[in-house]
C-alpha atoms as a PDB file:
ATOM      1  CA  UNK A   1      -0.101   0.222   0.271  1.00  0.00           C
ATOM      2  CA  UNK A   2       0.959   3.647  -0.611  1.00  0.00           C
ATOM      3  CA  UNK A   3       0.810   5.830   2.211  1.00  0.00           C
ATOM      4  CA  UNK A   4      -0.968   8.580   1.474  1.00  0.00           C
ATOM      5  CA  UNK A   5       0.627  11.853   1.480  1.00  0.00           C
ATOM      6  CA  UNK A   6       1.195  14.365   4.334  1.00  0.00           C
ATOM      7  CA  UNK A   7      -0.945  17.029   3.549  1.00  0.00           C
ATOM      8  CA  UNK A   8       0.817  20.410   3.839  1.00  0.00           C
ATOM      9  CA  UNK A   9       0.516  22.513   7.355  1.00  0.00           C
ATOM     10  CA  UNK A  10      -2.067  25.163   6.643  1.00  0.00           C
ATOM     11  CA  UNK A  11      -2.947  26.213  10.296  1.00  0.00           C
ATOM     12  CA  UNK A  12      -0.826  26.837  13.165  1.00  0.00           C
ATOM     13  CA  UNK A  13      -0.081  23.834  16.028  1.00  0.00           C
ATOM     14  CA  UNK A  14       0.400  24.420  19.480  1.00  0.00           C
ATOM     15  CA  UNK A  15       2.646  22.313  21.503  1.00  0.00           C
ATOM     16  CA  UNK A  16       3.655  21.962  25.493  1.00  0.00           C
ATOM     17  CA  UNK A  17       7.460  21.800  25.674  1.00  0.00           C
ATOM     18  CA  UNK A  18       8.771  21.502  29.104  1.00  0.00           C
ATOM     19  CA  UNK A  19      11.714  23.462  30.285  1.00  0.00           C
ATOM     20  CA  UNK A  20      13.210  21.489  33.370  1.00  0.00           C
ATOM     21  CA  UNK A  21      16.988  22.224  33.538  1.00  0.00           C
ATOM     22  CA  UNK A  22      17.898  18.421  33.393  1.00  0.00           C
ATOM     23  CA  UNK A  23      16.537  18.131  29.651  1.00  0.00           C
ATOM     24  CA  UNK A  24      17.906  21.100  27.887  1.00  0.00           C
ATOM     25  CA  UNK A  25      18.148  21.704  25.283  1.00  0.00           C
ATOM     26  CA  UNK A  26      15.196  20.995  24.267  1.00  0.00           C
ATOM     27  CA  UNK A  27      14.302  20.019  20.115  1.00  0.00           C
ATOM     28  CA  UNK A  28      12.757  22.042  17.745  1.00  0.00           C
ATOM     29  CA  UNK A  29      12.452  25.985  19.598  1.00  0.00           C
ATOM     30  CA  UNK A  30      14.854  27.326  17.036  1.00  0.00           C
ATOM     31  CA  UNK A  31      11.936  26.921  14.345  1.00  0.00           C
ATOM     32  CA  UNK A  32       9.033  28.122  16.219  1.00  0.00           C
ATOM     33  CA  UNK A  33       7.213  31.094  15.539  1.00  0.00           C
ATOM     34  CA  UNK A  34       5.690  32.339  18.777  1.00  0.00           C
ATOM     35  CA  UNK A  35       6.725  30.712  22.262  1.00  0.00           C
ATOM     36  CA  UNK A  36       4.888  31.749  25.714  1.00  0.00           C
ATOM     37  CA  UNK A  37       6.841  31.048  28.507  1.00  0.00           C
ATOM     38  CA  UNK A  38       4.996  30.964  31.722  1.00  0.00           C
ATOM     39  CA  UNK A  39       5.872  29.702  35.498  1.00  0.00           C
ATOM     40  CA  UNK A  40       4.151  26.106  36.495  1.00  0.00           C
ATOM     41  CA  UNK A  41       4.213  24.537  40.139  1.00  0.00           C
ATOM     42  CA  UNK A  42       7.858  24.451  41.649  1.00  0.00           C
ATOM     43  CA  UNK A  43       9.460  27.441  40.214  1.00  0.00           C
ATOM     44  CA  UNK A  44       9.917  26.142  36.835  1.00  0.00           C
ATOM     45  CA  UNK A  45       8.636  27.572  33.336  1.00  0.00           C
ATOM     46  CA  UNK A  46       7.117  25.617  30.315  1.00  0.00           C
ATOM     47  CA  UNK A  47       6.427  26.532  26.562  1.00  0.00           C
ATOM     48  CA  UNK A  48       3.453  26.946  24.550  1.00  0.00           C
ATOM     49  CA  UNK A  49       5.214  27.045  21.117  1.00  0.00           C
ATOM     50  CA  UNK A  50       2.923  27.595  18.215  1.00  0.00           C
ATOM     51  CA  UNK A  51       4.738  26.434  14.598  1.00  0.00           C
ATOM     52  CA  UNK A  52       3.215  26.844  11.020  1.00  0.00           C
ATOM     53  CA  UNK A  53       5.883  24.532  10.408  1.00  0.00           C
ATOM     54  CA  UNK A  54       6.848  25.625   6.540  1.00  0.00           C
ATOM     55  CA  UNK A  55      10.080  23.237   6.938  1.00  0.00           C
ATOM     56  CA  UNK A  56      10.037  19.682   8.197  1.00  0.00           C
ATOM     57  CA  UNK A  57      11.029  19.385  11.868  1.00  0.00           C
ATOM     58  CA  UNK A  58      12.614  16.262  12.941  1.00  0.00           C
ATOM     59  CA  UNK A  59      12.169  16.175  16.636  1.00  0.00           C
ATOM     60  CA  UNK A  60       9.820  18.725  18.972  1.00  0.00           C
ATOM     61  CA  UNK A  61       9.664  18.521  22.754  1.00  0.00           C
ATOM     62  CA  UNK A  62      10.346  16.868  25.423  1.00  0.00           C
ATOM     63  CA  UNK A  63       6.400  17.046  25.249  1.00  0.00           C
ATOM     64  CA  UNK A  64       4.432  17.475  28.661  1.00  0.00           C
ATOM     65  CA  UNK A  65       1.381  18.269  30.197  1.00  0.00           C
ATOM     66  CA  UNK A  66      -1.189  21.553  30.071  1.00  0.00           C
ATOM     67  CA  UNK A  67      -2.384  24.067  32.265  1.00  0.00           C
ATOM     68  CA  UNK A  68      -5.402  26.174  32.222  1.00  0.00           C
ATOM     69  CA  UNK A  69      -3.442  29.511  30.933  1.00  0.00           C
ATOM     70  CA  UNK A  70      -1.707  27.616  28.440  1.00  0.00           C
ATOM     71  CA  UNK A  71      -5.422  26.006  27.300  1.00  0.00           C
ATOM     72  CA  UNK A  72      -6.337  29.662  26.994  1.00  0.00           C
ATOM     73  CA  UNK A  73      -3.075  30.893  24.801  1.00  0.00           C
ATOM     74  CA  UNK A  74      -3.550  27.731  22.566  1.00  0.00           C
ATOM     75  CA  UNK A  75      -7.232  28.485  21.554  1.00  0.00           C
ATOM     76  CA  UNK A  76      -6.318  31.473  20.248  1.00  0.00           C
ATOM     77  CA  UNK A  77      -4.310  29.772  17.416  1.00  0.00           C
ATOM     78  CA  UNK A  78      -7.427  27.135  16.710  1.00  0.00           C
ATOM     79  CA  UNK A  79      -5.568  23.743  14.918  1.00  0.00           C
ATOM     80  CA  UNK A  80      -4.101  21.020  17.111  1.00  0.00           C
ATOM     81  CA  UNK A  81      -2.878  20.991  20.523  1.00  0.00           C
ATOM     82  CA  UNK A  82      -0.493  18.532  20.938  1.00  0.00           C
ATOM     83  CA  UNK A  83       0.405  17.603  24.807  1.00  0.00           C
ATOM     84  CA  UNK A  84       0.421  14.849  27.256  1.00  0.00           C
ATOM     85  CA  UNK A  85      -2.253  14.680  30.058  1.00  0.00           C
ATOM     86  CA  UNK A  86      -2.894  17.789  32.230  1.00  0.00           C
ATOM     87  CA  UNK A  87      -4.123  19.516  35.743  1.00  0.00           C
ATOM     88  CA  UNK A  88      -8.245  18.803  36.250  1.00  0.00           C
ATOM     89  CA  UNK A  89      -9.015  21.943  35.195  1.00  0.00           C
ATOM     90  CA  UNK A  90      -6.854  22.080  31.920  1.00  0.00           C
ATOM     91  CA  UNK A  91      -8.379  18.578  30.688  1.00  0.00           C
ATOM     92  CA  UNK A  92     -11.988  20.420  31.794  1.00  0.00           C
ATOM     93  CA  UNK A  93     -11.449  22.797  29.309  1.00  0.00           C
ATOM     94  CA  UNK A  94     -10.107  20.512  26.580  1.00  0.00           C
ATOM     95  CA  UNK A  95     -12.285  18.075  26.553  1.00  0.00           C
ATOM     96  CA  UNK A  96     -15.072  20.640  25.851  1.00  0.00           C
ATOM     97  CA  UNK A  97     -13.195  23.263  23.764  1.00  0.00           C
ATOM     98  CA  UNK A  98     -14.679  24.756  20.482  1.00  0.00           C
ATOM     99  CA  UNK A  99     -11.385  26.390  19.594  1.00  0.00           C
ATOM    100  CA  UNK A 100      -9.282  23.543  18.692  1.00  0.00           C
ATOM    101  CA  UNK A 101      -8.253  20.359  18.000  1.00  0.00           C
ATOM    102  CA  UNK A 102      -7.462  18.113  21.424  1.00  0.00           C
ATOM    103  CA  UNK A 103      -4.132  15.550  20.429  1.00  0.00           C
ATOM    104  CA  UNK A 104      -4.119  14.280  24.241  1.00  0.00           C
ATOM    105  CA  UNK A 105      -1.431  11.689  24.270  1.00  0.00           C
ATOM    106  CA  UNK A 106      -3.137   9.636  26.426  1.00  0.00           C
ATOM    107  CA  UNK A 107      -5.604   8.695  23.779  1.00  0.00           C
ATOM    108  CA  UNK A 108      -3.964   9.889  20.663  1.00  0.00           C
ATOM    109  CA  UNK A 109      -0.340   7.907  21.083  1.00  0.00           C
ATOM    110  CA  UNK A 110       0.253   7.363  17.582  1.00  0.00           C
ATOM    111  CA  UNK A 111       1.158  11.146  16.552  1.00  0.00           C
ATOM    112  CA  UNK A 112       3.626  10.958  19.528  1.00  0.00           C
ATOM    113  CA  UNK A 113       7.045   8.461  20.058  1.00  0.00           C
ATOM    114  CA  UNK A 114       9.174   7.834  22.810  1.00  0.00           C
ATOM    115  CA  UNK A 115      13.311   8.216  22.980  1.00  0.00           C
ATOM    116  CA  UNK A 116      14.267   5.464  24.986  1.00  0.00           C
ATOM    117  CA  UNK A 117      17.623   6.912  25.438  1.00  0.00           C
ATOM    118  CA  UNK A 118      15.824   9.183  28.370  1.00  0.00           C
ATOM    119  CA  UNK A 119      14.212   8.821  31.232  1.00  0.00           C
ATOM    120  CA  UNK A 120      10.450   8.794  31.210  1.00  0.00           C
ATOM    121  CA  UNK A 121       8.467  11.131  31.397  1.00  0.00           C
ATOM    122  CA  UNK A 122      10.835  13.826  29.887  1.00  0.00           C
ATOM    123  CA  UNK A 123      11.152  11.234  26.776  1.00  0.00           C
ATOM    124  CA  UNK A 124       7.684  11.927  24.580  1.00  0.00           C
ATOM    125  CA  UNK A 125       8.246  13.883  21.249  1.00  0.00           C
ATOM    126  CA  UNK A 126       6.804  14.271  18.210  1.00  0.00           C
ATOM    127  CA  UNK A 127       7.656  15.891  14.533  1.00  0.00           C
ATOM    128  CA  UNK A 128       6.419  17.679  11.271  1.00  0.00           C
ATOM    129  CA  UNK A 129       5.620  14.057   9.793  1.00  0.00           C
ATOM    130  CA  UNK A 130       3.446  12.588  12.570  1.00  0.00           C
ATOM    131  CA  UNK A 131       1.568  15.928  12.877  1.00  0.00           C
ATOM    132  CA  UNK A 132       0.980  16.176   9.532  1.00  0.00           C
ATOM    133  CA  UNK A 133      -0.735  12.880   9.488  1.00  0.00           C
ATOM    134  CA  UNK A 134      -2.819  14.258  12.597  1.00  0.00           C
ATOM    135  CA  UNK A 135      -4.030  16.982  10.470  1.00  0.00           C
ATOM    136  CA  UNK A 136      -5.145  14.501   7.921  1.00  0.00           C
ATOM    137  CA  UNK A 137      -6.689  12.516  10.179  1.00  0.00           C
ATOM    138  CA  UNK A 138      -8.824  15.580  11.485  1.00  0.00           C
ATOM    139  CA  UNK A 139      -9.040  17.406   8.640  1.00  0.00           C
ATOM    140  CA  UNK A 140     -13.232  17.087   8.758  1.00  0.00           C
ATOM    141  CA  UNK A 141     -12.847  19.070  11.963  1.00  0.00           C
ATOM    142  CA  UNK A 142     -14.109  22.216  12.060  1.00  0.00           C
ATOM    143  CA  UNK A 143     -12.314  24.696  14.328  1.00  0.00           C
ATOM    144  CA  UNK A 144     -13.777  28.275  14.824  1.00  0.00           C
ATOM    145  CA  UNK A 145     -10.719  30.571  15.625  1.00  0.00           C
ATOM    146  CA  UNK A 146     -10.411  33.962  15.712  1.00  0.00           C
ATOM    147  CA  UNK A 147      -8.798  34.975  12.267  1.00  0.00           C
ATOM    148  CA  UNK A 148      -7.131  38.538  14.088  1.00  0.00           C
ATOM    149  CA  UNK A 149      -3.362  38.356  12.903  1.00  0.00           C
ATOM    150  CA  UNK A 150      -0.426  40.381  14.189  1.00  0.00           C
ATOM    151  CA  UNK A 151       1.006  42.881  11.699  1.00  0.00           C
ATOM    152  CA  UNK A 152       4.362  43.168  10.702  1.00  0.00           C
ATOM    153  CA  UNK A 153       6.369  46.291  10.086  1.00  0.00           C
ATOM    154  CA  UNK A 154      10.000  47.471   8.582  1.00  0.00           C
ATOM    155  CA  UNK A 155      12.492  46.846  10.066  1.00  0.00           C
ATOM    156  CA  UNK A 156      14.684  49.850  10.675  1.00  0.00           C
ATOM    157  CA  UNK A 157      18.299  50.170   9.311  1.00  0.00           C
ATOM    158  CA  UNK A 158      21.785  49.101  11.077  1.00  0.00           C
ATOM    159  CA  UNK A 159      22.262  52.900  11.454  1.00  0.00           C
ATOM    160  CA  UNK A 160      19.109  53.483  12.975  1.00  0.00           C
ATOM    161  CA  UNK A 161      19.570  50.851  15.823  1.00  0.00           C
ATOM    162  CA  UNK A 162      21.392  51.494  18.923  1.00  0.00           C
ATOM    163  CA  UNK A 163      24.558  50.035  19.213  1.00  0.00           C
ATOM    164  CA  UNK A 164      24.496  48.231  22.864  1.00  0.00           C
ATOM    165  CA  UNK A 165      21.434  47.821  24.824  1.00  0.00           C
ATOM    166  CA  UNK A 166      21.485  46.447  28.484  1.00  0.00           C
ATOM    167  CA  UNK A 167      20.262  42.738  29.122  1.00  0.00           C
ATOM    168  CA  UNK A 168      17.040  41.740  29.540  1.00  0.00           C
ATOM    169  CA  UNK A 169      16.458  40.035  32.476  1.00  0.00           C
ATOM    170  CA  UNK A 170      13.049  37.964  33.825  1.00  0.00           C
ATOM    171  CA  UNK A 171      13.550  36.772  37.213  1.00  0.00           C
ATOM    172  CA  UNK A 172      10.790  33.891  37.247  1.00  0.00           C
ATOM    173  CA  UNK A 173      11.993  31.733  40.344  1.00  0.00           C
ATOM    174  CA  UNK A 174      15.225  30.930  41.096  1.00  0.00           C
ATOM    175  CA  UNK A 175      18.410  31.002  39.185  1.00  0.00           C
ATOM    176  CA  UNK A 176      17.708  27.702  36.986  1.00  0.00           C
ATOM    177  CA  UNK A 177      15.068  29.964  35.499  1.00  0.00           C
ATOM    178  CA  UNK A 178      16.703  33.346  35.029  1.00  0.00           C
ATOM    179  CA  UNK A 179      16.022  34.620  31.347  1.00  0.00           C
ATOM    180  CA  UNK A 180      18.456  37.175  29.682  1.00  0.00           C
ATOM    181  CA  UNK A 181      17.750  38.057  26.501  1.00  0.00           C
ATOM    182  CA  UNK A 182      21.229  39.923  24.851  1.00  0.00           C
ATOM    183  CA  UNK A 183      20.774  42.001  22.155  1.00  0.00           C
ATOM    184  CA  UNK A 184      22.429  41.791  18.840  1.00  0.00           C
ATOM    185  CA  UNK A 185      22.454  45.266  16.624  1.00  0.00           C
ATOM    186  CA  UNK A 186      23.957  43.998  13.843  1.00  0.00           C
ATOM    187  CA  UNK A 187      21.147  41.338  13.587  1.00  0.00           C
ATOM    188  CA  UNK A 188      18.606  43.135  15.118  1.00  0.00           C
ATOM    189  CA  UNK A 189      17.582  39.794  17.398  1.00  0.00           C
ATOM    190  CA  UNK A 190      18.138  38.909  21.073  1.00  0.00           C
ATOM    191  CA  UNK A 191      19.892  35.691  22.048  1.00  0.00           C
ATOM    192  CA  UNK A 192      18.322  33.759  24.910  1.00  0.00           C
ATOM    193  CA  UNK A 193      20.000  33.139  28.020  1.00  0.00           C
ATOM    194  CA  UNK A 194      18.488  30.783  30.071  1.00  0.00           C
ATOM    195  CA  UNK A 195      19.971  29.816  33.711  1.00  0.00           C
ATOM    196  CA  UNK A 196      23.404  31.316  33.067  1.00  0.00           C
ATOM    197  CA  UNK A 197      23.829  30.008  29.666  1.00  0.00           C
ATOM    198  CA  UNK A 198      22.898  30.349  26.116  1.00  0.00           C
ATOM    199  CA  UNK A 199      19.681  28.147  25.013  1.00  0.00           C
ATOM    200  CA  UNK A 200      20.232  25.837  21.993  1.00  0.00           C
ATOM    201  CA  UNK A 201      17.788  23.422  19.798  1.00  0.00           C
ATOM    202  CA  UNK A 202      19.090  19.958  20.284  1.00  0.00           C
ATOM    203  CA  UNK A 203      18.017  19.328  16.755  1.00  0.00           C
ATOM    204  CA  UNK A 204      20.477  21.591  14.981  1.00  0.00           C
ATOM    205  CA  UNK A 205      22.574  23.877  18.267  1.00  0.00           C
ATOM    206  CA  UNK A 206      21.353  26.940  16.818  1.00  0.00           C
ATOM    207  CA  UNK A 207      21.011  29.408  19.113  1.00  0.00           C
ATOM    208  CA  UNK A 208      17.595  30.302  20.487  1.00  0.00           C
ATOM    209  CA  UNK A 209      16.831  33.988  19.066  1.00  0.00           C
ATOM    210  CA  UNK A 210      13.900  35.996  19.435  1.00  0.00           C
ATOM    211  CA  UNK A 211      13.072  39.159  17.014  1.00  0.00           C
ATOM    212  CA  UNK A 212      10.094  40.401  19.197  1.00  0.00           C
ATOM    213  CA  UNK A 213       9.485  39.906  23.258  1.00  0.00           C
ATOM    214  CA  UNK A 214       6.235  40.621  24.765  1.00  0.00           C
ATOM    215  CA  UNK A 215       6.175  40.582  28.923  1.00  0.00           C
ATOM    216  CA  UNK A 216       2.795  40.416  29.656  1.00  0.00           C
ATOM    217  CA  UNK A 217       1.621  41.269  33.726  1.00  0.00           C
ATOM    218  CA  UNK A 218      -0.562  39.167  34.823  1.00  0.00           C
ATOM    219  CA  UNK A 219      -2.710  38.415  38.010  1.00  0.00           C
ATOM    220  CA  UNK A 220      -0.878  35.089  39.488  1.00  0.00           C
ATOM    221  CA  UNK A 221      -2.357  33.018  42.490  1.00  0.00           C
ATOM    222  CA  UNK A 222      -1.893  29.429  44.017  1.00  0.00           C
ATOM    223  CA  UNK A 223      -4.302  27.352  42.443  1.00  0.00           C
ATOM    224  CA  UNK A 224      -3.726  24.852  45.136  1.00  0.00           C
ATOM    225  CA  UNK A 225      -1.529  24.549  48.418  1.00  0.00           C
ATOM    226  CA  UNK A 226      -0.353  21.123  48.212  1.00  0.00           C
ATOM    227  CA  UNK A 227       0.840  20.829  44.947  1.00  0.00           C
ATOM    228  CA  UNK A 228       1.704  24.378  43.984  1.00  0.00           C
ATOM    229  CA  UNK A 229      -0.557  24.735  41.041  1.00  0.00           C
ATOM    230  CA  UNK A 230      -1.264  28.278  39.520  1.00  0.00           C
ATOM    231  CA  UNK A 231      -3.989  30.126  37.911  1.00  0.00           C
ATOM    232  CA  UNK A 232      -3.202  32.982  35.951  1.00  0.00           C
ATOM    233  CA  UNK A 233      -5.610  35.369  34.931  1.00  0.00           C
ATOM    234  CA  UNK A 234      -4.996  35.499  30.843  1.00  0.00           C
ATOM    235  CA  UNK A 235      -8.490  37.199  29.936  1.00  0.00           C
ATOM    236  CA  UNK A 236      -8.794  40.736  30.919  1.00  0.00           C
ATOM    237  CA  UNK A 237      -6.750  43.535  30.672  1.00  0.00           C
ATOM    238  CA  UNK A 238      -2.924  44.583  31.924  1.00  0.00           C
ATOM    239  CA  UNK A 239       0.238  46.064  31.583  1.00  0.00           C
ATOM    240  CA  UNK A 240       2.194  44.825  28.669  1.00  0.00           C
ATOM    241  CA  UNK A 241       5.985  45.477  27.308  1.00  0.00           C
ATOM    242  CA  UNK A 242       7.556  45.184  24.004  1.00  0.00           C
ATOM    243  CA  UNK A 243      11.529  44.682  23.360  1.00  0.00           C
ATOM    244  CA  UNK A 244      12.173  45.531  19.728  1.00  0.00           C
ATOM    245  CA  UNK A 245      14.725  46.743  17.639  1.00  0.00           C
ATOM    246  CA  UNK A 246      16.840  47.206  20.866  1.00  0.00           C
ATOM    247  CA  UNK A 247      14.161  49.665  22.981  1.00  0.00           C
ATOM    248  CA  UNK A 248      11.317  48.975  25.067  1.00  0.00           C
ATOM    249  CA  UNK A 249       7.625  50.365  24.950  1.00  0.00           C
ATOM    250  CA  UNK A 250       5.140  50.139  27.080  1.00  0.00           C
ATOM    251  CA  UNK A 251       1.637  49.421  26.625  1.00  0.00           C
ATOM    252  CA  UNK A 252      -1.565  46.875  27.566  1.00  0.00           C
ATOM    253  CA  UNK A 253      -2.665  43.780  27.182  1.00  0.00           C
ATOM    254  CA  UNK A 254      -6.490  42.923  26.453  1.00  0.00           C
ATOM    255  CA  UNK A 255      -8.688  39.904  26.124  1.00  0.00           C
ATOM    256  CA  UNK A 256     -11.905  39.892  27.014  1.00  0.00           C
ATOM    257  CA  UNK A 257     -13.608  36.659  26.054  1.00  0.00           C
ATOM    258  CA  UNK A 258     -12.214  32.789  25.354  1.00  0.00           C
ATOM    259  CA  UNK A 259     -11.199  32.265  22.207  1.00  0.00           C
ATOM    260  CA  UNK A 260     -10.069  35.770  21.177  1.00  0.00           C
ATOM    261  CA  UNK A 261      -6.525  36.645  19.945  1.00  0.00           C
ATOM    262  CA  UNK A 262      -4.829  38.777  23.166  1.00  0.00           C
ATOM    263  CA  UNK A 263      -4.214  42.514  21.788  1.00  0.00           C
ATOM    264  CA  UNK A 264      -1.213  44.420  22.909  1.00  0.00           C
ATOM    265  CA  UNK A 265      -1.508  47.880  22.362  1.00  0.00           C
ATOM    266  CA  UNK A 266       0.286  50.922  22.382  1.00  0.00           C
ATOM    267  CA  UNK A 267      -0.282  54.021  24.873  1.00  0.00           C
ATOM    268  CA  UNK A 268      -3.084  55.248  21.995  1.00  0.00           C
ATOM    269  CA  UNK A 269      -4.542  52.175  21.928  1.00  0.00           C
ATOM    270  CA  UNK A 270      -3.293  51.215  18.086  1.00  0.00           C
ATOM    271  CA  UNK A 271      -1.623  47.521  18.390  1.00  0.00           C
ATOM    272  CA  UNK A 272       1.314  46.866  17.960  1.00  0.00           C
ATOM    273  CA  UNK A 273       3.481  45.689  14.929  1.00  0.00           C
ATOM    274  CA  UNK A 274       6.011  43.278  14.934  1.00  0.00           C
ATOM    275  CA  UNK A 275       9.256  42.337  13.113  1.00  0.00           C
ATOM    276  CA  UNK A 276       9.228  39.252  11.231  1.00  0.00           C
ATOM    277  CA  UNK A 277      10.402  36.257  12.972  1.00  0.00           C
ATOM    278  CA  UNK A 278      10.015  34.449  15.782  1.00  0.00           C
ATOM    279  CA  UNK A 279       8.245  36.408  18.726  1.00  0.00           C
ATOM    280  CA  UNK A 280       8.674  35.267  22.577  1.00  0.00           C
END
């Protein structure tokens, strides 16, 4: 039998990827379009990675479990949400979501694989081929999504960029999860440091870089004291910062209902525009 061709990936795919110190470097992050980073329990951070996969990706992961705020962000893009298990509240959202295709590995293991050279549960991965099959298999499932897109702009010339900028430091918890973004004016990108070291992609050893960095300030509470599980208020309004072109802009974010794309606005209420490339 001839295997049916893998369809072109025409809608975003959202994937949960962990950031535990011992599993770095992760695979596939350098080819992402958008990456969300937020705290989970224990002071660690985890990523929601958005791909359009315009080129093949041989390995993506390690893939881990979902939390409610990651589901809320994933719903903004529609398409497939790839993860393995989650908090009870997160699973309640994915089970009933009208905004995404639920690809929980517990029920769809054929789209994932285990790397036996890595200790479980940190050894679950996927790739663009397997996820392409998932899109083929779920092609009849209609997903209602917010069609609002972020808009891009022209980049300044190198003469218009600052020669240097102090590193951007984001102190999520302890030193292992201290993030620095160091600006390179010659390429107008920010290089990511995590836990005191440059962060690379395990697939190609590429440095992780960003063309735009958004800091979204949200109210955070401890949802469950025994586990330290958190609740982040991703619907509402608040302050936001945009680091871009060696400068910082202060604005606000707004998301009034579930499924709506978060708007990031400047002081006049106009939407921010972004450089082409990866946004963190």
